[in-house]
Protein backbone atom coordinates (compact mmCIF):
# COMPACT_ATOMS: atom_id res chain seq x y z
CA UNK A 1 19.20 4.00 58.93
CA UNK A 2 17.81 0.91 57.31
CA UNK A 3 19.92 1.57 54.23
CA UNK A 4 23.09 1.45 56.30
CA UNK A 5 22.28 -1.96 57.83
CA UNK A 6 21.28 -3.46 54.49
CA UNK A 7 24.72 -2.54 53.19
CA UNK A 8 26.68 -3.58 56.29
CA UNK A 9 28.45 -6.37 54.43
CA UNK A 10 29.68 -3.95 51.71
CA UNK A 11 33.09 -2.35 52.26
CA UNK A 12 32.37 0.98 50.57
CA UNK A 13 28.78 1.89 51.22
CA UNK A 14 26.78 4.51 49.40
CA UNK A 15 25.20 6.45 52.24
CA UNK A 16 22.30 8.89 51.87
CA UNK A 17 23.15 12.57 51.97
CA UNK A 18 22.43 14.02 55.45
CA UNK A 19 21.41 17.31 53.80
CA UNK A 20 18.35 15.49 52.44
CA UNK A 21 17.35 14.23 55.90
CA UNK A 22 17.03 17.21 58.25
CA UNK A 23 20.60 18.43 58.49
CA UNK A 24 22.38 21.52 57.16
CA UNK A 25 25.96 22.72 57.11
CA UNK A 26 26.97 25.76 59.15
CA UNK A 27 29.67 28.29 58.23
CA UNK A 28 32.41 25.91 59.42
CA UNK A 29 31.03 23.14 57.15
CA UNK A 30 29.88 21.16 60.21
CA UNK A 31 26.50 19.44 60.20
CA UNK A 32 23.76 20.79 62.45
CA UNK A 33 20.09 19.80 62.68
CA UNK A 34 17.48 21.87 60.90
CA UNK A 35 15.11 23.38 63.44
CA UNK A 36 11.47 24.08 62.71
CA UNK A 37 9.19 27.05 63.28
CA UNK A 38 6.21 24.76 63.79
CA UNK A 39 4.53 24.49 67.17
CA UNK A 40 5.45 21.42 69.24
CA UNK A 41 1.74 20.45 69.42
CA UNK A 42 -1.56 21.67 67.97
CA UNK A 43 -2.75 25.01 69.33
CA UNK A 44 -5.80 23.40 70.95
CA UNK A 45 -3.55 21.16 73.08
CA UNK A 46 -1.14 23.91 74.05
CA UNK A 47 -3.96 25.91 75.61
CA UNK A 48 -5.28 23.05 77.74
CA UNK A 49 -5.60 24.22 81.29
CA UNK A 50 -6.20 22.05 84.31
CA UNK A 51 -6.60 22.90 87.97
CA UNK A 52 -6.35 21.06 91.24
CA UNK A 53 -8.38 23.33 93.51
CA UNK A 54 -9.09 21.72 96.88
CA UNK A 55 -10.43 24.52 99.09
CA UNK A 56 -11.77 27.29 96.83
CA UNK A 57 -14.17 25.01 94.87
CA UNK A 58 -13.06 26.76 91.65
CA UNK A 59 -15.18 29.76 92.64
CA UNK A 60 -12.58 32.51 92.36
CA UNK A 61 -9.55 33.43 90.25
CA UNK A 62 -7.26 31.07 92.16
CA UNK A 63 -8.70 28.46 89.83
CA UNK A 64 -6.61 28.30 86.64
CA UNK A 65 -9.62 27.26 84.58
CA UNK A 66 -11.86 30.06 85.78
CA UNK A 67 -9.02 32.57 85.38
CA UNK A 68 -8.77 31.52 81.70
CA UNK A 69 -12.56 31.65 81.24
CA UNK A 70 -12.84 27.86 80.96
CA UNK A 71 -15.07 25.30 82.58
CA UNK A 72 -13.23 22.66 84.58
CA UNK A 73 -12.66 19.50 82.57
CA UNK A 74 -12.35 15.81 83.35
CA UNK A 75 -8.57 16.28 83.56
CA UNK A 76 -8.89 18.66 86.51
CA UNK A 77 -8.28 17.29 89.98
CA UNK A 78 -10.53 19.76 91.80
CA UNK A 79 -12.99 18.81 94.54
CA UNK A 80 -16.54 20.16 94.93
CA UNK A 81 -16.20 22.21 91.75
CA UNK A 82 -18.52 25.19 91.35
CA UNK A 83 -17.07 26.47 88.07
CA UNK A 84 -20.08 26.94 85.80
CA UNK A 85 -18.61 29.75 83.70
CA UNK A 86 -19.07 28.50 80.17
CA UNK A 87 -21.32 25.46 80.43
CA UNK A 88 -23.67 26.77 77.72
CA UNK A 89 -20.76 27.43 75.36
CA UNK A 90 -19.30 23.97 75.91
CA UNK A 91 -22.58 22.28 75.07
CA UNK A 92 -22.84 24.07 71.74
CA UNK A 93 -19.19 23.50 70.81
CA UNK A 94 -17.85 20.04 70.11
CA UNK A 95 -14.43 18.57 69.39
CA UNK A 96 -15.60 17.80 65.84
CA UNK A 97 -15.87 21.57 65.25
CA UNK A 98 -12.16 21.92 66.06
CA UNK A 99 -11.21 19.08 63.71
CA UNK A 100 -12.99 20.70 60.76
CA UNK A 101 -10.86 23.87 60.94
């Protein structure tokens, strides 16, 4: 885009080829964006689960975290949480371990 504005005073501009910048031509020779097979976010973020349990105290499978075998996190909005499922596992596992893989 910057190239276009730098050449705005030139009558016949040399524009970059869209095929080099995320576009492809379909069977009708029309441009369409190239889609990706990559995930929209890292896998660790996609699986984040939060709950907002108010009455069950995260003690049964109504709690999304407990249902997914996770301890409630700081992002949860639960009250009087009793979810102690994986507290030992969380203490031995750190975010740095995820970054190394």
